[in-house]
């Protein structure tokens, strides 16, 4: 089972949903970065389930223990290992259905791939619980990137058939991205928040669920990153984005809508 991503910077995920803990080893991270743990905690808090009716009922503290790669508050250049203990597991909930594969999960494929030896409880190593160490790794990477003048922000572009206003590609500011990061429900159009919650409520009343789209913007990124063909930026980003279990599609720029444009419309002007 390979759970390692990257070349110059490698991240390796470990643990299972109902095991003792989960975590990540980050290998190749530059030395000397002073980590702001308050900001890391805020990022972990954003991912963590809460008391909202729209959140999962599993309650985990998601406090990260740094086991290596940090000395006097700064990265050392050695592999940086972060561990998150599991507490709210309730494994007995899965024992009575251990012989049933859940549609839309990795139960069947995991059983076949690992000959029945995989830990199926809560999805085991396939669980979305493993996104917690990914968030931790991302929180550290964000601090490094921001020190280089690179800033990232996202908003919920859609939930079901309810839509937010998309980013204006030519006028994205750091202030806008920072504002979105501080919102409980990050949207560009404040009125979309209620519409989103209504869509979720309706699906829940019907005993169902609903999907959505996240739009992310990055500013300050230097030109020339990546290599032709197999090492291009879109390919690299897609490979890590698809590690998130719920992600089923990734678009860059105009995405699939570019097929409805003329060539003159699809070109990015230099001026």
Protein backbone atom coordinates (compact mmCIF):
# COMPACT_ATOMS: atom_id res chain seq x y z
CA UNK A 1 0.00 0.00 0.00
CA UNK A 2 1.73 3.17 -1.18
CA UNK A 3 0.64 6.38 0.53
CA UNK A 4 3.57 8.57 -0.51
CA UNK A 5 3.23 11.61 -2.78
CA UNK A 6 5.83 13.95 -4.21
CA UNK A 7 9.41 14.09 -5.45
CA UNK A 8 11.50 16.93 -3.98
CA UNK A 9 8.94 17.33 -1.21
CA UNK A 10 7.40 14.03 -0.13
CA UNK A 11 4.43 13.47 2.14
CA UNK A 12 3.63 10.05 3.53
CA UNK A 13 0.28 9.36 5.21
CA UNK A 14 -0.10 6.68 7.88
CA UNK A 15 -2.78 5.27 10.17
CA UNK A 16 -6.40 4.15 9.95
CA UNK A 17 -9.70 5.77 10.86
CA UNK A 18 -10.22 3.57 13.94
CA UNK A 19 -6.58 2.85 14.81
CA UNK A 20 -4.58 4.54 17.56
CA UNK A 21 -3.85 7.54 15.39
CA UNK A 22 -3.19 9.00 11.97
CA UNK A 23 -0.45 11.24 10.71
CA UNK A 24 1.97 12.41 8.08
CA UNK A 25 5.71 12.48 7.48
CA UNK A 26 6.88 15.47 5.42
CA UNK A 27 10.30 14.81 3.90
CA UNK A 28 12.29 17.50 2.12
CA UNK A 29 10.75 20.52 3.83
CA UNK A 30 13.24 23.43 3.97
CA UNK A 31 14.94 24.16 7.30
CA UNK A 32 14.56 27.35 9.30
CA UNK A 33 10.84 28.09 8.99
CA UNK A 34 9.38 29.26 12.30
CA UNK A 35 5.99 27.60 12.60
CA UNK A 36 2.98 29.57 13.82
CA UNK A 37 1.05 26.93 15.74
CA UNK A 38 -1.94 29.19 16.32
CA UNK A 39 -2.44 29.37 12.57
CA UNK A 40 -1.97 25.61 12.24
CA UNK A 41 -4.62 25.09 14.94
CA UNK A 42 -7.00 27.42 13.07
CA UNK A 43 -6.59 25.38 9.88
CA UNK A 44 -7.22 22.14 11.79
CA UNK A 45 -10.25 23.74 13.45
CA UNK A 46 -11.75 24.60 10.05
CA UNK A 47 -11.62 20.95 9.01
CA UNK A 48 -12.67 19.54 12.40
CA UNK A 49 -16.32 18.49 12.90
CA UNK A 50 -18.31 20.87 15.08
CA UNK A 51 -21.71 21.15 16.73
CA UNK A 52 -23.39 22.29 13.50
CA UNK A 53 -26.23 20.17 12.18
CA UNK A 54 -24.39 20.17 8.85
CA UNK A 55 -21.26 18.49 10.23
CA UNK A 56 -20.37 14.85 10.82
CA UNK A 57 -21.19 13.63 14.33
CA UNK A 58 -17.72 12.22 14.97
CA UNK A 59 -15.86 14.38 17.49
CA UNK A 60 -12.08 14.49 17.41
CA UNK A 61 -9.72 17.04 18.96
CA UNK A 62 -7.35 16.86 15.96
CA UNK A 63 -4.40 18.18 17.99
CA UNK A 64 -1.14 17.49 16.19
CA UNK A 65 1.87 16.12 18.08
CA UNK A 66 5.18 16.94 16.37
CA UNK A 67 7.44 13.91 16.75
CA UNK A 68 10.42 15.03 14.68
CA UNK A 69 11.77 17.70 12.35
CA UNK A 70 11.22 20.67 14.69
CA UNK A 71 13.68 22.27 17.12
CA UNK A 72 13.13 25.48 19.07
CA UNK A 73 10.04 26.16 17.00
CA UNK A 74 11.77 25.97 13.62
CA UNK A 75 11.92 23.26 10.99
CA UNK A 76 15.25 21.41 10.97
CA UNK A 77 15.22 19.99 7.46
CA UNK A 78 14.85 16.46 8.83
CA UNK A 79 11.61 14.56 8.12
CA UNK A 80 8.80 16.38 9.92
CA UNK A 81 6.36 13.94 11.51
CA UNK A 82 2.95 14.95 12.85
CA UNK A 83 0.69 12.54 14.78
CA UNK A 84 -3.04 12.95 15.47
CA UNK A 85 -4.55 10.62 18.07
CA UNK A 86 -7.96 9.03 17.43
CA UNK A 87 -10.48 8.99 20.27
CA UNK A 88 -14.10 8.96 19.04
CA UNK A 89 -13.99 5.68 17.11
CA UNK A 90 -16.97 3.48 18.18
CA UNK A 91 -15.60 0.51 16.24
CA UNK A 92 -18.48 -1.67 17.45
CA UNK A 93 -20.75 0.22 15.05
CA UNK A 94 -18.95 -1.51 12.18
CA UNK A 95 -18.65 -5.04 13.55
CA UNK A 96 -22.26 -5.99 12.88
CA UNK A 97 -21.97 -4.87 9.24
CA UNK A 98 -18.44 -6.17 8.64
CA UNK A 99 -19.72 -8.54 5.94
CA UNK A 100 -21.50 -5.76 4.02
CA UNK A 101 -19.73 -3.52 1.52
CA UNK A 102 -21.06 0.04 1.50
CA UNK A 103 -21.80 1.56 -1.91
CA UNK A 104 -19.74 4.66 -2.61
CA UNK A 105 -16.97 3.53 -0.25
CA UNK A 106 -13.71 1.61 -0.64
CA UNK A 107 -14.98 -1.40 1.34
CA UNK A 108 -15.20 -3.78 -1.63
CA UNK A 109 -12.17 -2.57 -3.56
CA UNK A 110 -10.08 -2.51 -0.39
CA UNK A 111 -11.13 -6.05 0.46
CA UNK A 112 -10.22 -7.30 -3.00
CA UNK A 113 -6.97 -5.33 -3.27
CA UNK A 114 -5.64 -6.40 0.14
CA UNK A 115 -7.20 -9.88 0.28
CA UNK A 116 -9.44 -9.06 3.22
CA UNK A 117 -6.61 -8.06 5.57
CA UNK A 118 -7.32 -4.33 5.45
CA UNK A 119 -8.87 -2.57 8.45
CA UNK A 120 -12.41 -1.85 7.24
CA UNK A 121 -13.62 0.06 10.33
CA UNK A 122 -14.67 3.54 9.33
CA UNK A 123 -13.01 3.00 5.97
CA UNK A 124 -9.62 2.25 7.54
CA UNK A 125 -6.75 3.82 5.62
CA UNK A 126 -9.18 4.84 2.86
CA UNK A 127 -11.18 7.06 5.22
CA UNK A 128 -11.67 10.80 4.77
CA UNK A 129 -10.28 10.97 8.31
CA UNK A 130 -6.87 10.87 6.60
CA UNK A 131 -7.54 14.36 5.25
CA UNK A 132 -6.70 15.70 8.74
CA UNK A 133 -2.94 15.10 8.32
CA UNK A 134 -3.23 16.49 4.79
CA UNK A 135 -4.63 19.71 6.27
CA UNK A 136 -1.73 19.81 8.73
CA UNK A 137 0.78 19.42 5.88
CA UNK A 138 -1.06 22.10 3.91
CA UNK A 139 -1.05 24.49 6.87
CA UNK A 140 2.73 24.24 7.09
CA UNK A 141 3.14 24.61 3.33
CA UNK A 142 0.88 27.70 3.39
CA UNK A 143 3.17 29.43 5.89
CA UNK A 144 6.20 28.75 3.71
CA UNK A 145 4.43 29.95 0.57
CA UNK A 146 3.13 33.13 2.22
CA UNK A 147 6.68 33.98 3.26
CA UNK A 148 7.42 33.88 -0.49
CA UNK A 149 4.48 36.18 -1.31
CA UNK A 150 2.17 33.39 -2.53
CA UNK A 151 -1.39 33.45 -1.17
CA UNK A 152 -4.22 30.94 -1.54
CA UNK A 153 -7.96 31.18 -0.91
CA UNK A 154 -11.14 29.30 -1.73
CA UNK A 155 -14.90 29.69 -1.72
CA UNK A 156 -17.79 27.28 -2.07
CA UNK A 157 -18.77 27.82 -5.70
CA UNK A 158 -21.83 25.57 -5.56
CA UNK A 159 -23.82 23.14 -3.45
CA UNK A 160 -26.34 21.17 -5.45
CA UNK A 161 -27.97 23.61 -7.87
CA UNK A 162 -27.23 26.71 -5.75
CA UNK A 163 -24.39 28.85 -7.12
CA UNK A 164 -22.07 31.51 -5.72
CA UNK A 165 -20.43 34.28 -7.75
CA UNK A 166 -17.12 33.01 -9.14
CA UNK A 167 -13.77 34.74 -8.83
CA UNK A 168 -13.02 37.58 -11.22
CA UNK A 169 -9.88 36.01 -12.67
CA UNK A 170 -8.27 39.38 -13.43
CA UNK A 171 -9.00 41.02 -10.07
CA UNK A 172 -8.28 38.65 -7.18
CA UNK A 173 -6.72 40.32 -4.14
CA UNK A 174 -5.04 39.05 -1.00
CA UNK A 175 -7.66 40.85 1.07
CA UNK A 176 -10.42 38.91 -0.66
CA UNK A 177 -8.66 35.59 -0.09
CA UNK A 178 -7.96 36.38 3.58
CA UNK A 179 -11.60 37.40 4.09
CA UNK A 180 -12.84 34.09 2.68
CA UNK A 181 -10.50 32.15 4.95
CA UNK A 182 -12.04 33.79 8.02
CA UNK A 183 -15.64 33.00 7.04
CA UNK A 184 -17.46 30.01 8.54
CA UNK A 185 -19.17 29.50 5.17
CA UNK A 186 -16.79 31.05 2.61
CA UNK A 187 -18.79 32.61 -0.23
CA UNK A 188 -18.32 35.69 -2.41
CA UNK A 189 -22.04 36.52 -2.35
CA UNK A 190 -23.27 36.53 1.25
CA UNK A 191 -26.82 35.65 0.19
CA UNK A 192 -25.60 32.28 -1.10
CA UNK A 193 -25.01 31.02 2.42
CA UNK A 194 -28.72 30.63 3.18
CA UNK A 195 -29.34 29.05 -0.22
CA UNK A 196 -26.63 26.47 0.43
CA UNK A 197 -28.04 25.56 3.83
CA UNK A 198 -31.51 25.17 2.32
CA UNK A 199 -30.18 22.72 -0.28
CA UNK A 200 -28.44 20.70 2.44
CA UNK A 201 -31.55 20.72 4.65
CA UNK A 202 -33.73 19.48 1.80
CA UNK A 203 -31.35 16.61 1.03
CA UNK A 204 -31.17 15.67 4.70
CA UNK A 205 -34.96 15.61 5.05
CA UNK A 206 -35.02 13.12 2.19
CA UNK A 207 -32.36 10.98 3.88
CA UNK A 208 -29.85 11.92 1.21
CA UNK A 209 -26.75 14.02 0.67
CA UNK A 210 -25.55 16.55 -1.87
CA UNK A 211 -22.27 17.53 -3.52
CA UNK A 212 -20.65 20.78 -4.51
CA UNK A 213 -17.74 22.62 -6.10
CA UNK A 214 -14.86 24.48 -4.45
CA UNK A 215 -13.13 27.25 -6.43
CA UNK A 216 -9.56 28.06 -5.39
CA UNK A 217 -7.37 30.99 -6.40
CA UNK A 218 -3.62 31.48 -5.99
CA UNK A 219 -1.91 34.85 -6.35
CA UNK A 220 1.79 35.69 -6.37
CA UNK A 221 2.74 32.45 -8.09
CA UNK A 222 5.84 32.96 -10.27
CA UNK A 223 5.74 32.05 -13.95
CA UNK A 224 7.67 29.07 -15.22
CA UNK A 225 6.82 26.47 -12.57
CA UNK A 226 6.64 22.84 -13.66
CA UNK A 227 8.05 21.01 -16.64
CA UNK A 228 6.53 20.09 -20.02
CA UNK A 229 4.11 17.20 -20.37
CA UNK A 230 4.38 14.88 -17.34
CA UNK A 231 5.60 17.42 -14.80
CA UNK A 232 3.21 20.28 -15.56
CA UNK A 233 1.54 22.22 -12.77
CA UNK A 234 -1.99 21.00 -13.55
CA UNK A 235 -0.89 17.37 -13.46
CA UNK A 236 0.99 17.75 -10.18
CA UNK A 237 -1.86 19.56 -8.45
CA UNK A 238 -4.47 17.15 -9.78
CA UNK A 239 -2.64 14.14 -8.39
CA UNK A 240 -2.72 15.49 -4.82
CA UNK A 241 -6.25 16.89 -5.12
CA UNK A 242 -7.58 13.49 -6.16
CA UNK A 243 -6.16 12.03 -2.93
CA UNK A 244 -9.16 13.62 -1.20
CA UNK A 245 -11.75 10.81 -1.32
CA UNK A 246 -14.73 12.97 -2.33
CA UNK A 247 -13.00 14.75 -5.24
CA UNK A 248 -14.30 13.50 -8.60
CA UNK A 249 -13.24 16.25 -10.97
CA UNK A 250 -10.68 19.06 -11.26
CA UNK A 251 -10.73 22.01 -13.67
CA UNK A 252 -8.16 24.74 -14.27
CA UNK A 253 -9.07 28.16 -15.63
CA UNK A 254 -12.13 27.93 -17.85
CA UNK A 255 -12.07 24.13 -17.54
CA UNK A 256 -14.56 22.23 -19.68
CA UNK A 257 -16.40 25.45 -20.54
CA UNK A 258 -13.49 26.33 -22.82
CA UNK A 259 -15.02 23.92 -25.37
CA UNK A 260 -17.80 26.45 -25.93
CA UNK A 261 -15.40 29.32 -26.61
CA UNK A 262 -13.73 30.58 -29.74
CA UNK A 263 -9.94 30.49 -29.74
CA UNK A 264 -9.84 34.28 -29.48
CA UNK A 265 -11.98 34.12 -26.33
CA UNK A 266 -9.91 31.40 -24.68
CA UNK A 267 -6.59 33.23 -25.02
CA UNK A 268 -5.17 35.01 -21.97
CA UNK A 269 -4.11 38.52 -22.91
CA UNK A 270 -0.73 39.76 -21.70
CA UNK A 271 -2.09 43.30 -21.43
